[in-house]
Amino acid sequence: MAGVYTNTKTLWSETQFEILYLSLKKNRPEEEIALIVQDLNRRGHKPHRLVAKARNKVGMAGAGRLAAIIKRIPKRA
């Protein structure tokens, strides 16, 4: 049963990554992108990895925008 949960969790994260890339490409509002980032962070994806993956998919400009958005997201206490 644990394998099914892990596969589903991984599939959802990959879906979130695709939504993130599309949001960056379509220049969606910062708030939308921040929500996706926060969800991926809760799932264990570190901000620096998000930026690195985005760089590969959407280029330097998109990755730079993502890095700037991540810096503005309040840190959890």
PDB file of N, CA and C in Angstrom:
ATOM      1  N   MET A   1       0.818  -1.195   0.000  1.00  0.00           N
ATOM      2  CA  MET A   1       0.000   0.000   0.000  1.00  0.00           C
ATOM      3  C   MET A   1       0.861   1.259   0.000  1.00  0.00           C
ATOM      4  N   ALA A   2       2.005   1.220   0.666  1.00  0.00           N
ATOM      5  CA  ALA A   2       2.871   2.395   0.735  1.00  0.00           C
ATOM      6  C   ALA A   2       3.376   2.775  -0.649  1.00  0.00           C
ATOM      7  N   GLY A   3       3.623   1.798  -1.514  1.00  0.00           N
ATOM      8  CA  GLY A   3       4.099   2.082  -2.856  1.00  0.00           C
ATOM      9  C   GLY A   3       3.093   2.870  -3.673  1.00  0.00           C
ATOM     10  N   VAL A   4       1.811   2.566  -3.496  1.00  0.00           N
ATOM     11  CA  VAL A   4       0.757   3.290  -4.206  1.00  0.00           C
ATOM     12  C   VAL A   4       0.730   4.734  -3.741  1.00  0.00           C
ATOM     13  N   TYR A   5       0.849   4.964  -2.443  1.00  0.00           N
ATOM     14  CA  TYR A   5       0.844   6.325  -1.900  1.00  0.00           C
ATOM     15  C   TYR A   5       2.033   7.115  -2.436  1.00  0.00           C
ATOM     16  N   THR A   6       3.204   6.501  -2.449  1.00  0.00           N
ATOM     17  CA  THR A   6       4.398   7.171  -2.942  1.00  0.00           C
ATOM     18  C   THR A   6       4.252   7.521  -4.414  1.00  0.00           C
ATOM     19  N   ASN A   7       3.751   6.607  -5.231  1.00  0.00           N
ATOM     20  CA  ASN A   7       3.560   6.878  -6.656  1.00  0.00           C
ATOM     21  C   ASN A   7       2.564   8.004  -6.880  1.00  0.00           C
ATOM     22  N   THR A   8       1.477   8.013  -6.121  1.00  0.00           N
ATOM     23  CA  THR A   8       0.479   9.064  -6.245  1.00  0.00           C
ATOM     24  C   THR A   8       1.065  10.399  -5.822  1.00  0.00           C
ATOM     25  N   LYS A   9       1.810  10.412  -4.728  1.00  0.00           N
ATOM     26  CA  LYS A   9       2.437  11.641  -4.247  1.00  0.00           C
ATOM     27  C   LYS A   9       3.426  12.170  -5.282  1.00  0.00           C
ATOM     28  N   THR A  10       4.216  11.298  -5.878  1.00  0.00           N
ATOM     29  CA  THR A  10       5.181  11.695  -6.892  1.00  0.00           C
ATOM     30  C   THR A  10       4.462  12.223  -8.127  1.00  0.00           C
ATOM     31  N   LEU A  11       3.410  11.564  -8.549  1.00  0.00           N
ATOM     32  CA  LEU A  11       2.642  12.001  -9.708  1.00  0.00           C
ATOM     33  C   LEU A  11       2.052  13.387  -9.464  1.00  0.00           C
ATOM     34  N   TRP A  12       1.519  13.625  -8.265  1.00  0.00           N
ATOM     35  CA  TRP A  12       0.956  14.932  -7.960  1.00  0.00           C
ATOM     36  C   TRP A  12       2.050  16.006  -7.989  1.00  0.00           C
ATOM     37  N   SER A  13       3.220  15.715  -7.434  1.00  0.00           N
ATOM     38  CA  SER A  13       4.314  16.685  -7.456  1.00  0.00           C
ATOM     39  C   SER A  13       4.721  17.005  -8.891  1.00  0.00           C
ATOM     40  N   GLU A  14       4.808  16.001  -9.747  1.00  0.00           N
ATOM     41  CA  GLU A  14       5.180  16.242 -11.141  1.00  0.00           C
ATOM     42  C   GLU A  14       4.116  17.081 -11.848  1.00  0.00           C
ATOM     43  N   THR A  15       2.856  16.857 -11.513  1.00  0.00           N
ATOM     44  CA  THR A  15       1.776  17.678 -12.066  1.00  0.00           C
ATOM     45  C   THR A  15       1.939  19.118 -11.604  1.00  0.00           C
ATOM     46  N   GLN A  16       2.265  19.310 -10.331  1.00  0.00           N
ATOM     47  CA  GLN A  16       2.481  20.653  -9.800  1.00  0.00           C
ATOM     48  C   GLN A  16       3.664  21.336 -10.499  1.00  0.00           C
ATOM     49  N   PHE A  17       4.722  20.595 -10.766  1.00  0.00           N
ATOM     50  CA  PHE A  17       5.857  21.160 -11.496  1.00  0.00           C
ATOM     51  C   PHE A  17       5.424  21.635 -12.880  1.00  0.00           C
ATOM     52  N   GLU A  18       4.631  20.851 -13.578  1.00  0.00           N
ATOM     53  CA  GLU A  18       4.171  21.247 -14.907  1.00  0.00           C
ATOM     54  C   GLU A  18       3.304  22.500 -14.839  1.00  0.00           C
ATOM     55  N   ILE A  19       2.462  22.586 -13.811  1.00  0.00           N
ATOM     56  CA  ILE A  19       1.639  23.785 -13.614  1.00  0.00           C
ATOM     57  C   ILE A  19       2.540  24.983 -13.322  1.00  0.00           C
ATOM     58  N   LEU A  20       3.582  24.778 -12.526  1.00  0.00           N
ATOM     59  CA  LEU A  20       4.531  25.849 -12.220  1.00  0.00           C
ATOM     60  C   LEU A  20       5.208  26.351 -13.491  1.00  0.00           C
ATOM     61  N   TYR A  21       5.705  25.434 -14.328  1.00  0.00           N
ATOM     62  CA  TYR A  21       6.375  25.829 -15.564  1.00  0.00           C
ATOM     63  C   TYR A  21       5.430  26.604 -16.473  1.00  0.00           C
ATOM     64  N   LEU A  22       4.218  26.106 -16.624  1.00  0.00           N
ATOM     65  CA  LEU A  22       3.237  26.770 -17.474  1.00  0.00           C
ATOM     66  C   LEU A  22       2.888  28.152 -16.925  1.00  0.00           C
ATOM     67  N   SER A  23       2.762  28.253 -15.612  1.00  0.00           N
ATOM     68  CA  SER A  23       2.456  29.542 -14.984  1.00  0.00           C
ATOM     69  C   SER A  23       3.573  30.553 -15.230  1.00  0.00           C
ATOM     70  N   LEU A  24       4.817  30.098 -15.168  1.00  0.00           N
ATOM     71  CA  LEU A  24       5.941  30.990 -15.448  1.00  0.00           C
ATOM     72  C   LEU A  24       5.967  31.399 -16.921  1.00  0.00           C
ATOM     73  N   LYS A  25       5.712  30.450 -17.812  1.00  0.00           N
ATOM     74  CA  LYS A  25       5.706  30.748 -19.243  1.00  0.00           C
ATOM     75  C   LYS A  25       4.602  31.734 -19.607  1.00  0.00           C
ATOM     76  N   LYS A  26       3.438  31.587 -18.967  1.00  0.00           N
ATOM     77  CA  LYS A  26       2.280  32.434 -19.280  1.00  0.00           C
ATOM     78  C   LYS A  26       2.258  33.719 -18.451  1.00  0.00           C
ATOM     79  N   ASN A  27       3.310  33.913 -17.650  1.00  0.00           N
ATOM     80  CA  ASN A  27       3.429  35.121 -16.833  1.00  0.00           C
ATOM     81  C   ASN A  27       2.217  35.324 -15.921  1.00  0.00           C
ATOM     82  N   ARG A  28       1.816  34.245 -15.260  1.00  0.00           N
ATOM     83  CA  ARG A  28       0.681  34.290 -14.342  1.00  0.00           C
ATOM     84  C   ARG A  28       1.044  35.146 -13.128  1.00  0.00           C
ATOM     85  N   PRO A  29       0.044  35.596 -12.379  1.00  0.00           N
ATOM     86  CA  PRO A  29       0.308  36.444 -11.211  1.00  0.00           C
ATOM     87  C   PRO A  29       1.207  35.762 -10.175  1.00  0.00           C
ATOM     88  N   GLU A  30       1.980  36.586  -9.511  1.00  0.00           N
ATOM     89  CA  GLU A  30       2.922  36.113  -8.502  1.00  0.00           C
ATOM     90  C   GLU A  30       2.237  35.289  -7.418  1.00  0.00           C
ATOM     91  N   GLU A  31       1.043  35.685  -7.020  1.00  0.00           N
ATOM     92  CA  GLU A  31       0.321  34.975  -5.951  1.00  0.00           C
ATOM     93  C   GLU A  31       0.038  33.527  -6.333  1.00  0.00           C
ATOM     94  N   GLU A  32      -0.330  33.300  -7.583  1.00  0.00           N
ATOM     95  CA  GLU A  32      -0.594  31.934  -8.048  1.00  0.00           C
ATOM     96  C   GLU A  32       0.669  31.085  -7.989  1.00  0.00           C
ATOM     97  N   ILE A  33       1.761  31.653  -8.450  1.00  0.00           N
ATOM     98  CA  ILE A  33       3.033  30.924  -8.456  1.00  0.00           C
ATOM     99  C   ILE A  33       3.480  30.644  -7.027  1.00  0.00           C
ATOM    100  N   ALA A  34       3.295  31.617  -6.139  1.00  0.00           N
ATOM    101  CA  ALA A  34       3.688  31.434  -4.737  1.00  0.00           C
ATOM    102  C   ALA A  34       2.912  30.281  -4.100  1.00  0.00           C
ATOM    103  N   LEU A  35       1.635  30.142  -4.425  1.00  0.00           N
ATOM    104  CA  LEU A  35       0.838  29.033  -3.874  1.00  0.00           C
ATOM    105  C   LEU A  35       1.377  27.676  -4.335  1.00  0.00           C
ATOM    106  N   ILE A  36       1.760  27.594  -5.592  1.00  0.00           N
ATOM    107  CA  ILE A  36       2.322  26.341  -6.115  1.00  0.00           C
ATOM    108  C   ILE A  36       3.641  26.033  -5.409  1.00  0.00           C
ATOM    109  N   VAL A  37       4.488  27.050  -5.248  1.00  0.00           N
ATOM    110  CA  VAL A  37       5.776  26.877  -4.575  1.00  0.00           C
ATOM    111  C   VAL A  37       5.565  26.410  -3.140  1.00  0.00           C
ATOM    112  N   GLN A  38       4.635  27.023  -2.442  1.00  0.00           N
ATOM    113  CA  GLN A  38       4.376  26.640  -1.056  1.00  0.00           C
ATOM    114  C   GLN A  38       3.911  25.192  -0.967  1.00  0.00           C
ATOM    115  N   ASP A  39       3.066  24.761  -1.902  1.00  0.00           N
ATOM    116  CA  ASP A  39       2.611  23.372  -1.896  1.00  0.00           C
ATOM    117  C   ASP A  39       3.776  22.416  -2.152  1.00  0.00           C
ATOM    118  N   LEU A  40       4.623  22.748  -3.105  1.00  0.00           N
ATOM    119  CA  LEU A  40       5.781  21.896  -3.376  1.00  0.00           C
ATOM    120  C   LEU A  40       6.739  21.878  -2.192  1.00  0.00           C
ATOM    121  N   ASN A  41       6.899  23.006  -1.511  1.00  0.00           N
ATOM    122  CA  ASN A  41       7.746  23.044  -0.315  1.00  0.00           C
ATOM    123  C   ASN A  41       7.198  22.119   0.762  1.00  0.00           C
ATOM    124  N   ARG A  42       5.889  22.127   0.951  1.00  0.00           N
ATOM    125  CA  ARG A  42       5.274  21.233   1.947  1.00  0.00           C
ATOM    126  C   ARG A  42       5.514  19.770   1.605  1.00  0.00           C
ATOM    127  N   ARG A  43       5.667  19.492   0.337  1.00  0.00           N
ATOM    128  CA  ARG A  43       5.918  18.111  -0.109  1.00  0.00           C
ATOM    129  C   ARG A  43       7.399  17.753  -0.086  1.00  0.00           C
ATOM    130  N   GLY A  44       8.233  18.680   0.403  1.00  0.00           N
ATOM    131  CA  GLY A  44       9.645  18.374   0.587  1.00  0.00           C
ATOM    132  C   GLY A  44      10.578  18.867  -0.505  1.00  0.00           C
ATOM    133  N   HIS A  45      10.069  19.625  -1.451  1.00  0.00           N
ATOM    134  CA  HIS A  45      10.915  20.145  -2.522  1.00  0.00           C
ATOM    135  C   HIS A  45      11.532  21.465  -2.074  1.00  0.00           C
ATOM    136  N   LYS A  46      12.843  21.522  -2.057  1.00  0.00           N
ATOM    137  CA  LYS A  46      13.578  22.701  -1.593  1.00  0.00           C
ATOM    138  C   LYS A  46      13.556  23.803  -2.647  1.00  0.00           C
ATOM    139  N   PRO A  47      13.521  25.060  -2.193  1.00  0.00           N
ATOM    140  CA  PRO A  47      13.457  26.185  -3.137  1.00  0.00           C
ATOM    141  C   PRO A  47      14.570  26.193  -4.181  1.00  0.00           C
ATOM    142  N   HIS A  48      15.809  25.897  -3.783  1.00  0.00           N
ATOM    143  CA  HIS A  48      16.898  25.926  -4.765  1.00  0.00           C
ATOM    144  C   HIS A  48      16.710  24.870  -5.852  1.00  0.00           C
ATOM    145  N   ARG A  49      16.093  23.752  -5.502  1.00  0.00           N
ATOM    146  CA  ARG A  49      15.820  22.710  -6.502  1.00  0.00           C
ATOM    147  C   ARG A  49      14.705  23.145  -7.442  1.00  0.00           C
ATOM    148  N   LEU A  50      13.718  23.867  -6.907  1.00  0.00           N
ATOM    149  CA  LEU A  50      12.633  24.365  -7.758  1.00  0.00           C
ATOM    150  C   LEU A  50      13.202  25.300  -8.824  1.00  0.00           C
ATOM    151  N   VAL A  51      14.097  26.181  -8.413  1.00  0.00           N
ATOM    152  CA  VAL A  51      14.702  27.138  -9.345  1.00  0.00           C
ATOM    153  C   VAL A  51      15.548  26.407 -10.387  1.00  0.00           C
ATOM    154  N   ALA A  52      16.312  25.415  -9.950  1.00  0.00           N
ATOM    155  CA  ALA A  52      17.158  24.655 -10.884  1.00  0.00           C
ATOM    156  C   ALA A  52      16.304  23.915 -11.916  1.00  0.00           C
ATOM    157  N   LYS A  53      15.222  23.292 -11.460  1.00  0.00           N
ATOM    158  CA  LYS A  53      14.345  22.579 -12.395  1.00  0.00           C
ATOM    159  C   LYS A  53      13.671  23.556 -13.345  1.00  0.00           C
ATOM    160  N   ALA A  54      13.263  24.711 -12.826  1.00  0.00           N
ATOM    161  CA  ALA A  54      12.615  25.715 -13.674  1.00  0.00           C
ATOM    162  C   ALA A  54      13.590  26.228 -14.729  1.00  0.00           C
ATOM    163  N   ARG A  55      14.857  26.408 -14.355  1.00  0.00           N
ATOM    164  CA  ARG A  55      15.869  26.891 -15.305  1.00  0.00           C
ATOM    165  C   ARG A  55      15.943  25.961 -16.514  1.00  0.00           C
ATOM    166  N   ASN A  56      15.860  24.667 -16.259  1.00  0.00           N
ATOM    167  CA  ASN A  56      15.932  23.687 -17.348  1.00  0.00           C
ATOM    168  C   ASN A  56      14.694  23.718 -18.239  1.00  0.00           C
ATOM    169  N   LYS A  57      13.544  24.060 -17.665  1.00  0.00           N
ATOM    170  CA  LYS A  57      12.285  24.013 -18.417  1.00  0.00           C
ATOM    171  C   LYS A  57      11.874  25.344 -19.034  1.00  0.00           C
ATOM    172  N   VAL A  58      12.127  26.450 -18.324  1.00  0.00           N
ATOM    173  CA  VAL A  58      11.622  27.743 -18.806  1.00  0.00           C
ATOM    174  C   VAL A  58      12.720  28.772 -19.036  1.00  0.00           C
ATOM    175  N   GLY A  59      13.963  28.407 -18.800  1.00  0.00           N
ATOM    176  CA  GLY A  59      15.077  29.305 -19.064  1.00  0.00           C
ATOM    177  C   GLY A  59      15.439  30.194 -17.879  1.00  0.00           C
ATOM    178  N   MET A  60      16.453  31.014 -18.109  1.00  0.00           N
ATOM    179  CA  MET A  60      17.002  31.861 -17.046  1.00  0.00           C
ATOM    180  C   MET A  60      16.013  32.932 -16.586  1.00  0.00           C
ATOM    181  N   ALA A  61      15.286  33.527 -17.512  1.00  0.00           N
ATOM    182  CA  ALA A  61      14.348  34.595 -17.131  1.00  0.00           C
ATOM    183  C   ALA A  61      13.254  34.048 -16.213  1.00  0.00           C
ATOM    184  N   GLY A  62      12.686  32.910 -16.576  1.00  0.00           N
ATOM    185  CA  GLY A  62      11.646  32.299 -15.752  1.00  0.00           C
ATOM    186  C   GLY A  62      12.181  31.859 -14.400  1.00  0.00           C
ATOM    187  N   ALA A  63      13.383  31.299 -14.403  1.00  0.00           N
ATOM    188  CA  ALA A  63      14.000  30.867 -13.144  1.00  0.00           C
ATOM    189  C   ALA A  63      14.322  32.064 -12.260  1.00  0.00           C
ATOM    190  N   GLY A  64      14.750  33.158 -12.875  1.00  0.00           N
ATOM    191  CA  GLY A  64      15.024  34.375 -12.107  1.00  0.00           C
ATOM    192  C   GLY A  64      13.761  34.933 -11.479  1.00  0.00           C
ATOM    193  N   ARG A  65      12.682  34.923 -12.235  1.00  0.00           N
ATOM    194  CA  ARG A  65      11.399  35.384 -11.683  1.00  0.00           C
ATOM    195  C   ARG A  65      10.965  34.481 -10.519  1.00  0.00           C
ATOM    196  N   LEU A  66      11.112  33.176 -10.697  1.00  0.00           N
ATOM    197  CA  LEU A  66      10.753  32.241  -9.636  1.00  0.00           C
ATOM    198  C   LEU A  66      11.592  32.495  -8.388  1.00  0.00           C
ATOM    199  N   ALA A  67      12.883  32.699  -8.546  1.00  0.00           N
ATOM    200  CA  ALA A  67      13.763  32.966  -7.398  1.00  0.00           C
ATOM    201  C   ALA A  67      13.312  34.233  -6.665  1.00  0.00           C
ATOM    202  N   ALA A  68      12.936  35.262  -7.417  1.00  0.00           N
ATOM    203  CA  ALA A  68      12.469  36.508  -6.795  1.00  0.00           C
ATOM    204  C   ALA A  68      11.175  36.287  -6.034  1.00  0.00           C
ATOM    205  N   ILE A  69      10.278  35.485  -6.594  1.00  0.00           N
ATOM    206  CA  ILE A  69       9.011  35.185  -5.913  1.00  0.00           C
ATOM    207  C   ILE A  69       9.274  34.402  -4.639  1.00  0.00           C
ATOM    208  N   ILE A  70      10.165  33.430  -4.708  1.00  0.00           N
ATOM    209  CA  ILE A  70      10.487  32.608  -3.529  1.00  0.00           C
ATOM    210  C   ILE A  70      11.034  33.475  -2.413  1.00  0.00           C
ATOM    211  N   LYS A  71      11.860  34.457  -2.748  1.00  0.00           N
ATOM    212  CA  LYS A  71      12.425  35.340  -1.713  1.00  0.00           C
ATOM    213  C   LYS A  71      11.352  36.150  -0.993  1.00  0.00           C
ATOM    214  N   ARG A  72      10.248  36.421  -1.684  1.00  0.00           N
ATOM    215  CA  ARG A  72       9.179  37.219  -1.075  1.00  0.00           C
ATOM    216  C   ARG A  72       8.168  36.380  -0.294  1.00  0.00           C
ATOM    217  N   ILE A  73       8.255  35.066  -0.377  1.00  0.00           N
ATOM    218  CA  ILE A  73       7.340  34.208   0.377  1.00  0.00           C
ATOM    219  C   ILE A  73       7.782  34.204   1.840  1.00  0.00           C
ATOM    220  N   PRO A  74       6.867  34.521   2.768  1.00  0.00           N
ATOM    221  CA  PRO A  74       7.238  34.514   4.189  1.00  0.00           C
ATOM    222  C   PRO A  74       7.709  33.131   4.646  1.00  0.00           C
ATOM    223  N   LYS A  75       8.738  33.136   5.456  1.00  0.00           N
ATOM    224  CA  LYS A  75       9.263  31.882   6.007  1.00  0.00           C
ATOM    225  C   LYS A  75       8.359  31.400   7.124  1.00  0.00           C
ATOM    226  N   ARG A  76       8.256  30.069   7.226  1.00  0.00           N
ATOM    227  CA  ARG A  76       7.469  29.489   8.325  1.00  0.00           C
ATOM    228  C   ARG A  76       8.241  29.630   9.623  1.00  0.00           C
ATOM    229  N   ALA A  77       7.512  29.856  10.704  1.00  0.00           N
ATOM    230  CA  ALA A  77       8.155  29.993  12.031  1.00  0.00           C
ATOM    231  C   ALA A  77       8.502  28.663  12.619  1.00  0.00           C
TER     232      ALA A  77
END
